[in-house]
Amino acid sequence: MTDVLDGPSSEHSVEQIQSALVQVPGESIFPPLPIPWWFANTGVTVNDSWDKEPDPDVYYLKLPWLAGYDADHDAAANMPSRLAQWFACEVKRLEQLTRHAAHPNLVRYHGCRVRNGRITAALLGRVPGDTLMNHAKAGKTIQDKEAFLQALASAVDHLHNVVGLAHNDIQPTNIMVSPDGTTPTLIDLGSAWPEGEEMIHCPVFSCWGNDPLDMDPETFFDGPLTGSATSRKSRDLAALERLRTWLDDPDFTHHHPLQNDNFAEVGARRIQEAAARRMASS
């Protein structure tokens, strides 16, 4: 956007808004196929049956997170778009799911749509119901909390010990609940990563299940539990424990103290530094 939208007034003409719009280049959103960078050998399942849009009652079309686009950041970093990097990472994790038997409480993946040599979407199984957050906001409860948590813990155990990933962002908005309120499904693998490895995409703004052991932004990202730039299974286990109490008394804000500009700035820089090191070594 240009400076025309900057300033105290929030009222702008259609002409002003249109003049401020800039088309985002496809290469800044969609990763190329084959996926480059340090996991260049990752195979991608190309779904060729998309002559028309998938049935929305059966499938969910996962697209890159457009709100994460930052042209100034990409230009300053002199690196491939971090938005395309993030989506490539998520596709890689979804591909890892397909190497193992499906788990009933984990999101299902059905391949990617490729257009003009770039991955433009991932096809996921539609999960009936709503997120746990919306479920609770509607005044609905989980009737059998222990069975619900046990099913979710089983999905986490499968992700940890079969697939080999930590989720790193387990929170009420990333858990779907069946319409009858009995069955959870863990979704959103955008921050999933092998234990102990540096991540180039992580939930800087949520860290929902963690307690702030160290609120110095320059050292927080190296912490043994709360280090958001390092993938930790312990982060998932902490989130499950917090969920146990949250279900009894839902907090609809659940904002972590990390949600401030200082932490966001440091977090973005530290994550990009990790990406740069990996690209240099590839």
C-alpha atoms as a PDB file:
ATOM      1  CA  MET A   1       0.000   0.000   0.000  1.00  0.00           C
ATOM      2  CA  THR A   2       1.083   3.565  -0.552  1.00  0.00           C
ATOM      3  CA  ASP A   3       1.091   6.519   1.808  1.00  0.00           C
ATOM      4  CA  VAL A   4      -2.394   7.482   0.622  1.00  0.00           C
ATOM      5  CA  LEU A   5      -3.816   5.203   3.305  1.00  0.00           C
ATOM      6  CA  ASP A   6      -1.547   6.536   6.035  1.00  0.00           C
ATOM      7  CA  GLY A   7      -2.833   9.287   8.276  1.00  0.00           C
ATOM      8  CA  PRO A   8      -5.470   9.973  10.882  1.00  0.00           C
ATOM      9  CA  SER A   9      -8.545   9.496   8.700  1.00  0.00           C
ATOM     10  CA  SER A  10      -9.962   6.049   8.045  1.00  0.00           C
ATOM     11  CA  GLU A  11     -12.275   7.304   5.301  1.00  0.00           C
ATOM     12  CA  HIS A  12     -10.964   7.030   1.756  1.00  0.00           C
ATOM     13  CA  SER A  13     -12.609   7.096  -1.618  1.00  0.00           C
ATOM     14  CA  VAL A  14     -12.796   4.025  -3.813  1.00  0.00           C
ATOM     15  CA  GLU A  15     -10.412   5.727  -6.219  1.00  0.00           C
ATOM     16  CA  GLN A  16      -7.852   6.319  -3.469  1.00  0.00           C
ATOM     17  CA  ILE A  17      -8.050   2.715  -2.329  1.00  0.00           C
ATOM     18  CA  GLN A  18      -7.779   1.370  -5.860  1.00  0.00           C
ATOM     19  CA  SER A  19      -4.783   3.578  -6.598  1.00  0.00           C
ATOM     20  CA  ALA A  20      -3.059   2.248  -3.495  1.00  0.00           C
ATOM     21  CA  LEU A  21      -3.463  -1.400  -4.446  1.00  0.00           C
ATOM     22  CA  VAL A  22      -0.429  -3.209  -5.811  1.00  0.00           C
ATOM     23  CA  GLN A  23      -0.543  -6.663  -7.359  1.00  0.00           C
ATOM     24  CA  VAL A  24       1.502  -9.158  -5.377  1.00  0.00           C
ATOM     25  CA  PRO A  25       3.823 -11.232  -7.597  1.00  0.00           C
ATOM     26  CA  GLY A  26       2.940 -14.903  -7.713  1.00  0.00           C
ATOM     27  CA  GLU A  27       6.505 -15.884  -6.792  1.00  0.00           C
ATOM     28  CA  SER A  28       6.066 -14.016  -3.511  1.00  0.00           C
ATOM     29  CA  ILE A  29       3.108 -16.180  -2.542  1.00  0.00           C
ATOM     30  CA  PHE A  30       3.403 -19.604  -4.161  1.00  0.00           C
ATOM     31  CA  PRO A  31       6.485 -21.858  -3.818  1.00  0.00           C
ATOM     32  CA  PRO A  32       7.837 -23.437  -6.999  1.00  0.00           C
ATOM     33  CA  LEU A  33       7.719 -27.124  -7.758  1.00  0.00           C
ATOM     34  CA  PRO A  34       9.991 -28.873  -7.068  1.00  0.00           C
ATOM     35  CA  ILE A  35      10.259 -27.186  -3.697  1.00  0.00           C
ATOM     36  CA  PRO A  36      13.702 -25.568  -3.366  1.00  0.00           C
ATOM     37  CA  TRP A  37      15.885 -24.726  -0.367  1.00  0.00           C
ATOM     38  CA  TRP A  38      17.164 -27.320   2.075  1.00  0.00           C
ATOM     39  CA  PHE A  39      14.385 -29.872   1.512  1.00  0.00           C
ATOM     40  CA  ALA A  40      14.677 -29.888  -2.280  1.00  0.00           C
ATOM     41  CA  ASN A  41      14.285 -33.671  -2.412  1.00  0.00           C
ATOM     42  CA  THR A  42      10.843 -33.630  -0.817  1.00  0.00           C
ATOM     43  CA  GLY A  43       8.288 -35.240  -3.081  1.00  0.00           C
ATOM     44  CA  VAL A  44       4.994 -33.423  -3.521  1.00  0.00           C
ATOM     45  CA  THR A  45       1.701 -35.151  -4.250  1.00  0.00           C
ATOM     46  CA  VAL A  46       0.167 -33.333  -7.209  1.00  0.00           C
ATOM     47  CA  ASN A  47      -3.597 -33.754  -7.313  1.00  0.00           C
ATOM     48  CA  ASP A  48      -4.643 -33.602 -10.982  1.00  0.00           C
ATOM     49  CA  SER A  49      -8.387 -33.949 -10.428  1.00  0.00           C
ATOM     50  CA  TRP A  50      -9.089 -30.250  -9.919  1.00  0.00           C
ATOM     51  CA  ASP A  51     -10.877 -29.468 -13.177  1.00  0.00           C
ATOM     52  CA  LYS A  52     -13.327 -27.583 -10.979  1.00  0.00           C
ATOM     53  CA  GLU A  53     -13.173 -26.338  -7.410  1.00  0.00           C
ATOM     54  CA  PRO A  54     -13.320 -29.182  -4.860  1.00  0.00           C
ATOM     55  CA  ASP A  55     -16.614 -29.842  -3.094  1.00  0.00           C
ATOM     56  CA  PRO A  56     -16.441 -27.532  -0.026  1.00  0.00           C
ATOM     57  CA  ASP A  57     -18.504 -30.021   1.976  1.00  0.00           C
ATOM     58  CA  VAL A  58     -15.811 -32.666   1.478  1.00  0.00           C
ATOM     59  CA  TYR A  59     -12.562 -30.728   1.156  1.00  0.00           C
ATOM     60  CA  TYR A  60     -10.929 -27.630   2.575  1.00  0.00           C
ATOM     61  CA  LEU A  61      -8.704 -25.613   0.260  1.00  0.00           C
ATOM     62  CA  LYS A  62      -5.658 -24.439   2.243  1.00  0.00           C
ATOM     63  CA  LEU A  63      -3.993 -21.377   0.700  1.00  0.00           C
ATOM     64  CA  PRO A  64      -0.872 -19.422   1.681  1.00  0.00           C
ATOM     65  CA  TRP A  65      -1.396 -17.051   4.611  1.00  0.00           C
ATOM     66  CA  LEU A  66      -1.660 -13.812   2.634  1.00  0.00           C
ATOM     67  CA  ALA A  67      -1.692 -11.654   5.765  1.00  0.00           C
ATOM     68  CA  GLY A  68       1.954 -12.637   6.249  1.00  0.00           C
ATOM     69  CA  TYR A  69       3.087 -10.980   3.026  1.00  0.00           C
ATOM     70  CA  ASP A  70       5.659  -8.243   3.627  1.00  0.00           C
ATOM     71  CA  ALA A  71       7.254  -6.825   0.485  1.00  0.00           C
ATOM     72  CA  ASP A  72       9.605  -4.537   2.419  1.00  0.00           C
ATOM     73  CA  HIS A  73      10.836  -7.419   4.565  1.00  0.00           C
ATOM     74  CA  ASP A  74      11.479  -9.674   1.576  1.00  0.00           C
ATOM     75  CA  ALA A  75      13.380  -6.936  -0.238  1.00  0.00           C
ATOM     76  CA  ALA A  76      15.477  -6.066   2.796  1.00  0.00           C
ATOM     77  CA  ALA A  77      16.293  -9.700   3.501  1.00  0.00           C
ATOM     78  CA  ASN A  78      17.246 -10.323  -0.145  1.00  0.00           C
ATOM     79  CA  MET A  79      15.784 -13.801   0.162  1.00  0.00           C
ATOM     80  CA  PRO A  80      12.882 -15.734  -1.376  1.00  0.00           C
ATOM     81  CA  SER A  81       9.534 -14.602  -0.012  1.00  0.00           C
ATOM     82  CA  ARG A  82       9.022 -15.795   3.524  1.00  0.00           C
ATOM     83  CA  LEU A  83       5.343 -16.302   2.669  1.00  0.00           C
ATOM     84  CA  ALA A  84       6.288 -18.831  -0.008  1.00  0.00           C
ATOM     85  CA  GLN A  85       8.806 -20.383   2.390  1.00  0.00           C
ATOM     86  CA  TRP A  86       6.161 -20.837   5.065  1.00  0.00           C
ATOM     87  CA  PHE A  87       3.710 -22.469   2.697  1.00  0.00           C
ATOM     88  CA  ALA A  88       6.431 -24.766   1.346  1.00  0.00           C
ATOM     89  CA  CYS A  89       7.214 -25.838   4.914  1.00  0.00           C
ATOM     90  CA  GLU A  90       3.573 -26.638   5.610  1.00  0.00           C
ATOM     91  CA  VAL A  91       3.301 -28.697   2.418  1.00  0.00           C
ATOM     92  CA  LYS A  92       6.395 -30.633   3.441  1.00  0.00           C
ATOM     93  CA  ARG A  93       4.837 -31.478   6.816  1.00  0.00           C
ATOM     94  CA  LEU A  94       1.576 -32.522   5.196  1.00  0.00           C
ATOM     95  CA  GLU A  95       3.532 -34.778   2.869  1.00  0.00           C
ATOM     96  CA  GLN A  96       5.142 -36.398   5.920  1.00  0.00           C
ATOM     97  CA  LEU A  97       1.685 -37.339   7.184  1.00  0.00           C
ATOM     98  CA  THR A  98       1.011 -39.380   4.051  1.00  0.00           C
ATOM     99  CA  ARG A  99       4.009 -41.639   4.710  1.00  0.00           C
ATOM    100  CA  HIS A 100       2.184 -43.140   7.682  1.00  0.00           C
ATOM    101  CA  ALA A 101      -1.231 -44.559   8.439  1.00  0.00           C
ATOM    102  CA  ALA A 102      -3.838 -41.864   8.927  1.00  0.00           C
ATOM    103  CA  HIS A 103      -4.845 -40.971  12.467  1.00  0.00           C
ATOM    104  CA  PRO A 104      -8.558 -40.343  13.113  1.00  0.00           C
ATOM    105  CA  ASN A 105      -7.812 -37.186  15.105  1.00  0.00           C
ATOM    106  CA  LEU A 106      -5.363 -35.577  12.688  1.00  0.00           C
ATOM    107  CA  VAL A 107      -6.131 -33.509   9.609  1.00  0.00           C
ATOM    108  CA  ARG A 108      -6.132 -35.450   6.303  1.00  0.00           C
ATOM    109  CA  TYR A 109      -4.106 -34.321   3.279  1.00  0.00           C
ATOM    110  CA  HIS A 110      -5.011 -35.102  -0.331  1.00  0.00           C
ATOM    111  CA  GLY A 111      -2.270 -33.441  -2.347  1.00  0.00           C
ATOM    112  CA  CYS A 112      -1.521 -30.049  -3.886  1.00  0.00           C
ATOM    113  CA  ARG A 113      -2.788 -27.989  -6.766  1.00  0.00           C
ATOM    114  CA  VAL A 114      -0.027 -26.830  -9.092  1.00  0.00           C
ATOM    115  CA  ARG A 115      -0.461 -24.016 -11.594  1.00  0.00           C
ATOM    116  CA  ASN A 116       2.309 -22.693 -13.871  1.00  0.00           C
ATOM    117  CA  GLY A 117       4.927 -24.655 -11.974  1.00  0.00           C
ATOM    118  CA  ARG A 118       3.943 -23.324  -8.541  1.00  0.00           C
ATOM    119  CA  ILE A 119       2.059 -24.840  -5.604  1.00  0.00           C
ATOM    120  CA  THR A 120      -1.070 -22.733  -5.210  1.00  0.00           C
ATOM    121  CA  ALA A 121      -3.096 -24.733  -2.684  1.00  0.00           C
ATOM    122  CA  ALA A 122      -3.196 -27.855  -0.533  1.00  0.00           C
ATOM    123  CA  LEU A 123      -6.295 -30.033  -0.436  1.00  0.00           C
ATOM    124  CA  LEU A 124      -7.318 -31.087   3.059  1.00  0.00           C
ATOM    125  CA  GLY A 125     -10.205 -33.200   4.250  1.00  0.00           C
ATOM    126  CA  ARG A 126     -13.099 -31.065   5.486  1.00  0.00           C
ATOM    127  CA  VAL A 127     -13.610 -31.603   9.213  1.00  0.00           C
ATOM    128  CA  PRO A 128     -17.284 -31.287  10.231  1.00  0.00           C
ATOM    129  CA  GLY A 129     -17.994 -28.953  13.102  1.00  0.00           C
ATOM    130  CA  ASP A 130     -16.120 -25.871  14.259  1.00  0.00           C
ATOM    131  CA  THR A 131     -12.957 -24.879  16.052  1.00  0.00           C
ATOM    132  CA  LEU A 132     -12.822 -25.504  19.783  1.00  0.00           C
ATOM    133  CA  MET A 133     -12.622 -21.758  20.307  1.00  0.00           C
ATOM    134  CA  ASN A 134     -15.834 -21.091  18.383  1.00  0.00           C
ATOM    135  CA  HIS A 135     -17.455 -24.131  19.987  1.00  0.00           C
ATOM    136  CA  ALA A 136     -16.803 -22.651  23.434  1.00  0.00           C
ATOM    137  CA  LYS A 137     -17.808 -19.135  22.381  1.00  0.00           C
ATOM    138  CA  ALA A 138     -21.187 -20.526  21.343  1.00  0.00           C
ATOM    139  CA  GLY A 139     -21.703 -21.674  24.918  1.00  0.00           C
ATOM    140  CA  LYS A 140     -21.187 -25.358  24.109  1.00  0.00           C
ATOM    141  CA  THR A 141     -19.213 -27.666  26.366  1.00  0.00           C
ATOM    142  CA  ILE A 142     -17.269 -30.899  25.960  1.00  0.00           C
ATOM    143  CA  GLN A 143     -19.411 -33.513  27.675  1.00  0.00           C
ATOM    144  CA  ASP A 144     -16.646 -36.087  28.250  1.00  0.00           C
ATOM    145  CA  LYS A 145     -13.522 -34.034  28.806  1.00  0.00           C
ATOM    146  CA  GLU A 146     -11.270 -37.006  29.573  1.00  0.00           C
ATOM    147  CA  ALA A 147     -12.235 -38.884  26.414  1.00  0.00           C
ATOM    148  CA  PHE A 148     -11.776 -35.696  24.383  1.00  0.00           C
ATOM    149  CA  LEU A 149      -8.322 -35.052  25.821  1.00  0.00           C
ATOM    150  CA  GLN A 150      -7.324 -38.680  25.423  1.00  0.00           C
ATOM    151  CA  ALA A 151      -8.204 -38.596  21.716  1.00  0.00           C
ATOM    152  CA  LEU A 152      -6.265 -35.371  21.260  1.00  0.00           C
ATOM    153  CA  ALA A 153      -3.283 -36.748  23.191  1.00  0.00           C
ATOM    154  CA  SER A 154      -3.344 -39.804  20.928  1.00  0.00           C
ATOM    155  CA  ALA A 155      -3.085 -37.530  17.877  1.00  0.00           C
ATOM    156  CA  VAL A 156      -0.174 -35.669  19.457  1.00  0.00           C
ATOM    157  CA  ASP A 157       1.575 -38.939  20.316  1.00  0.00           C
ATOM    158  CA  HIS A 158       1.142 -40.098  16.713  1.00  0.00           C
ATOM    159  CA  LEU A 159       2.561 -36.831  15.431  1.00  0.00           C
ATOM    160  CA  HIS A 160       5.511 -36.999  17.847  1.00  0.00           C
ATOM    161  CA  ASN A 161       6.457 -40.671  17.728  1.00  0.00           C
ATOM    162  CA  VAL A 162       5.219 -41.921  14.358  1.00  0.00           C
ATOM    163  CA  VAL A 163       5.418 -38.925  12.030  1.00  0.00           C
ATOM    164  CA  GLY A 164       8.370 -37.384  13.892  1.00  0.00           C
ATOM    165  CA  LEU A 165       7.091 -33.830  14.311  1.00  0.00           C
ATOM    166  CA  ALA A 166       6.169 -31.463  17.104  1.00  0.00           C
ATOM    167  CA  HIS A 167       3.086 -29.379  16.308  1.00  0.00           C
ATOM    168  CA  ASN A 168       4.269 -26.261  18.204  1.00  0.00           C
ATOM    169  CA  ASP A 169       0.935 -24.419  17.986  1.00  0.00           C
ATOM    170  CA  ILE A 170      -1.715 -26.446  19.792  1.00  0.00           C
ATOM    171  CA  GLN A 171      -4.434 -24.048  20.873  1.00  0.00           C
ATOM    172  CA  PRO A 172      -8.259 -23.841  20.722  1.00  0.00           C
ATOM    173  CA  THR A 173      -8.262 -22.287  17.239  1.00  0.00           C
ATOM    174  CA  ASN A 174      -6.237 -25.217  15.848  1.00  0.00           C
ATOM    175  CA  ILE A 175      -8.521 -27.948  17.194  1.00  0.00           C
ATOM    176  CA  MET A 176     -11.738 -28.844  15.395  1.00  0.00           C
ATOM    177  CA  VAL A 177     -14.690 -30.282  17.313  1.00  0.00           C
ATOM    178  CA  SER A 178     -17.323 -32.551  15.791  1.00  0.00           C
ATOM    179  CA  PRO A 179     -20.903 -31.230  15.764  1.00  0.00           C
ATOM    180  CA  ASP A 180     -21.854 -33.463  18.703  1.00  0.00           C
ATOM    181  CA  GLY A 181     -18.930 -32.128  20.728  1.00  0.00           C
ATOM    182  CA  THR A 182     -17.224 -35.480  21.212  1.00  0.00           C
ATOM    183  CA  THR A 183     -14.387 -35.764  18.696  1.00  0.00           C
ATOM    184  CA  PRO A 184     -11.332 -33.492  18.329  1.00  0.00           C
ATOM    185  CA  THR A 185      -9.233 -33.125  15.192  1.00  0.00           C
ATOM    186  CA  LEU A 186      -5.839 -31.441  15.335  1.00  0.00           C
ATOM    187  CA  ILE A 187      -5.296 -29.145  12.349  1.00  0.00           C
ATOM    188  CA  ASP A 188      -2.804 -26.573  10.995  1.00  0.00           C
ATOM    189  CA  LEU A 189       0.695 -27.990  10.605  1.00  0.00           C
ATOM    190  CA  GLY A 190       2.158 -24.658   9.550  1.00  0.00           C
ATOM    191  CA  SER A 191       4.477 -24.637  12.569  1.00  0.00           C
ATOM    192  CA  ALA A 192       5.168 -28.386  12.755  1.00  0.00           C
ATOM    193  CA  TRP A 193       8.849 -29.264  12.809  1.00  0.00           C
ATOM    194  CA  PRO A 194      11.171 -32.067  14.015  1.00  0.00           C
ATOM    195  CA  GLU A 195      12.158 -31.908  17.673  1.00  0.00           C
ATOM    196  CA  GLY A 196      15.067 -29.617  18.461  1.00  0.00           C
ATOM    197  CA  GLU A 197      15.385 -28.106  14.985  1.00  0.00           C
ATOM    198  CA  GLU A 198      15.233 -24.414  14.191  1.00  0.00           C
ATOM    199  CA  MET A 199      12.037 -23.337  12.497  1.00  0.00           C
ATOM    200  CA  ILE A 200      11.607 -20.702   9.827  1.00  0.00           C
ATOM    201  CA  HIS A 201       7.909 -20.416  10.660  1.00  0.00           C
ATOM    202  CA  CYS A 202       6.629 -20.587  14.205  1.00  0.00           C
ATOM    203  CA  PRO A 203       3.745 -19.217  16.272  1.00  0.00           C
ATOM    204  CA  VAL A 204       5.452 -16.071  17.533  1.00  0.00           C
ATOM    205  CA  PHE A 205       2.076 -14.535  18.295  1.00  0.00           C
ATOM    206  CA  SER A 206       0.436 -17.389  20.163  1.00  0.00           C
ATOM    207  CA  CYS A 207       2.701 -19.710  22.206  1.00  0.00           C
ATOM    208  CA  TRP A 208      -0.601 -20.593  23.811  1.00  0.00           C
ATOM    209  CA  GLY A 209       0.513 -23.476  25.966  1.00  0.00           C
ATOM    210  CA  ASN A 210       3.687 -21.934  27.353  1.00  0.00           C
ATOM    211  CA  ASP A 211       4.533 -20.036  30.482  1.00  0.00           C
ATOM    212  CA  PRO A 212       6.939 -17.123  29.948  1.00  0.00           C
ATOM    213  CA  LEU A 213      10.082 -18.338  31.701  1.00  0.00           C
ATOM    214  CA  ASP A 214      12.195 -15.600  30.172  1.00  0.00           C
ATOM    215  CA  MET A 215      10.707 -12.363  28.898  1.00  0.00           C
ATOM    216  CA  ASP A 216      13.917 -10.994  27.387  1.00  0.00           C
ATOM    217  CA  PRO A 217      13.171 -11.172  23.640  1.00  0.00           C
ATOM    218  CA  GLU A 218      16.818 -11.718  22.722  1.00  0.00           C
ATOM    219  CA  THR A 219      17.046 -14.893  24.843  1.00  0.00           C
ATOM    220  CA  PHE A 220      13.427 -16.090  24.866  1.00  0.00           C
ATOM    221  CA  PHE A 221      13.797 -17.778  21.501  1.00  0.00           C
ATOM    222  CA  ASP A 222      16.594 -19.965  22.857  1.00  0.00           C
ATOM    223  CA  GLY A 223      14.677 -21.143  25.940  1.00  0.00           C
ATOM    224  CA  PRO A 224      14.351 -24.890  26.666  1.00  0.00           C
ATOM    225  CA  LEU A 225      10.547 -24.773  26.672  1.00  0.00           C
ATOM    226  CA  THR A 226       9.426 -21.418  25.355  1.00  0.00           C
ATOM    227  CA  GLY A 227      12.059 -21.084  22.641  1.00  0.00           C
ATOM    228  CA  SER A 228       9.754 -20.360  19.744  1.00  0.00           C
ATOM    229  CA  ALA A 229      12.505 -20.625  17.134  1.00  0.00           C
ATOM    230  CA  THR A 230      13.186 -24.213  18.212  1.00  0.00           C
ATOM    231  CA  SER A 231      10.702 -27.035  17.742  1.00  0.00           C
ATOM    232  CA  ARG A 232       9.776 -28.653  21.082  1.00  0.00           C
ATOM    233  CA  LYS A 233       7.525 -31.597  21.862  1.00  0.00           C
ATOM    234  CA  SER A 234       7.373 -30.198  25.383  1.00  0.00           C
ATOM    235  CA  ARG A 235       5.508 -27.200  23.964  1.00  0.00           C
ATOM    236  CA  ASP A 236       2.731 -29.535  22.791  1.00  0.00           C
ATOM    237  CA  LEU A 237       2.551 -31.351  26.125  1.00  0.00           C
ATOM    238  CA  ALA A 238       2.349 -28.031  27.965  1.00  0.00           C
ATOM    239  CA  ALA A 239      -0.492 -26.970  25.668  1.00  0.00           C
ATOM    240  CA  LEU A 240      -2.408 -30.178  26.405  1.00  0.00           C
ATOM    241  CA  GLU A 241      -2.081 -29.564  30.134  1.00  0.00           C
ATOM    242  CA  ARG A 242      -3.303 -26.009  29.770  1.00  0.00           C
ATOM    243  CA  LEU A 243      -6.198 -27.235  27.647  1.00  0.00           C
ATOM    244  CA  ARG A 244      -7.336 -29.430  30.541  1.00  0.00           C
ATOM    245  CA  THR A 245      -8.015 -26.378  32.701  1.00  0.00           C
ATOM    246  CA  TRP A 246      -9.119 -24.172  29.791  1.00  0.00           C
ATOM    247  CA  LEU A 247     -12.011 -26.507  28.998  1.00  0.00           C
ATOM    248  CA  ASP A 248     -13.427 -25.872  32.477  1.00  0.00           C
ATOM    249  CA  ASP A 249     -13.111 -22.091  32.197  1.00  0.00           C
ATOM    250  CA  PRO A 250     -12.487 -20.952  28.589  1.00  0.00           C
ATOM    251  CA  ASP A 251     -10.549 -17.736  28.089  1.00  0.00           C
ATOM    252  CA  PHE A 252     -11.499 -16.207  24.757  1.00  0.00           C
ATOM    253  CA  THR A 253      -8.566 -13.825  24.639  1.00  0.00           C
ATOM    254  CA  HIS A 254      -5.697 -16.162  25.614  1.00  0.00           C
ATOM    255  CA  HIS A 255      -3.218 -13.536  24.464  1.00  0.00           C
ATOM    256  CA  HIS A 256       0.319 -14.339  25.475  1.00  0.00           C
ATOM    257  CA  PRO A 257       2.632 -11.561  26.750  1.00  0.00           C
ATOM    258  CA  LEU A 258       4.674 -12.146  23.592  1.00  0.00           C
ATOM    259  CA  GLN A 259       2.036 -10.265  21.629  1.00  0.00           C
ATOM    260  CA  ASN A 260       3.858  -6.991  21.510  1.00  0.00           C
ATOM    261  CA  ASP A 261       5.890  -5.255  18.860  1.00  0.00           C
ATOM    262  CA  ASN A 262       9.258  -5.840  20.551  1.00  0.00           C
ATOM    263  CA  PHE A 263       8.885  -9.609  20.652  1.00  0.00           C
ATOM    264  CA  ALA A 264       7.363  -9.728  17.180  1.00  0.00           C
ATOM    265  CA  GLU A 265      10.287  -7.800  15.713  1.00  0.00           C
ATOM    266  CA  VAL A 266      12.923  -9.915  17.436  1.00  0.00           C
ATOM    267  CA  GLY A 267      11.062 -13.120  16.647  1.00  0.00           C
ATOM    268  CA  ALA A 268      10.812 -12.328  12.946  1.00  0.00           C
ATOM    269  CA  ARG A 269      14.516 -11.499  12.803  1.00  0.00           C
ATOM    270  CA  ARG A 270      15.600 -14.630  14.656  1.00  0.00           C
ATOM    271  CA  ILE A 271      13.457 -16.863  12.468  1.00  0.00           C
ATOM    272  CA  GLN A 272      14.824 -15.281   9.305  1.00  0.00           C
ATOM    273  CA  GLU A 273      18.373 -15.761  10.592  1.00  0.00           C
ATOM    274  CA  ALA A 274      17.662 -19.475  10.970  1.00  0.00           C
ATOM    275  CA  ALA A 275      16.346 -19.609   7.412  1.00  0.00           C
ATOM    276  CA  ALA A 276      19.444 -17.845   6.107  1.00  0.00           C
ATOM    277  CA  ARG A 277      21.758 -20.329   7.842  1.00  0.00           C
ATOM    278  CA  ARG A 278      19.871 -23.274   6.384  1.00  0.00           C
ATOM    279  CA  MET A 279      19.896 -21.830   2.888  1.00  0.00           C
ATOM    280  CA  ALA A 280      23.621 -21.119   3.109  1.00  0.00           C
ATOM    281  CA  SER A 281      24.331 -24.719   4.094  1.00  0.00           C
ATOM    282  CA  SER A 282      22.133 -26.283   1.394  1.00  0.00           C
END
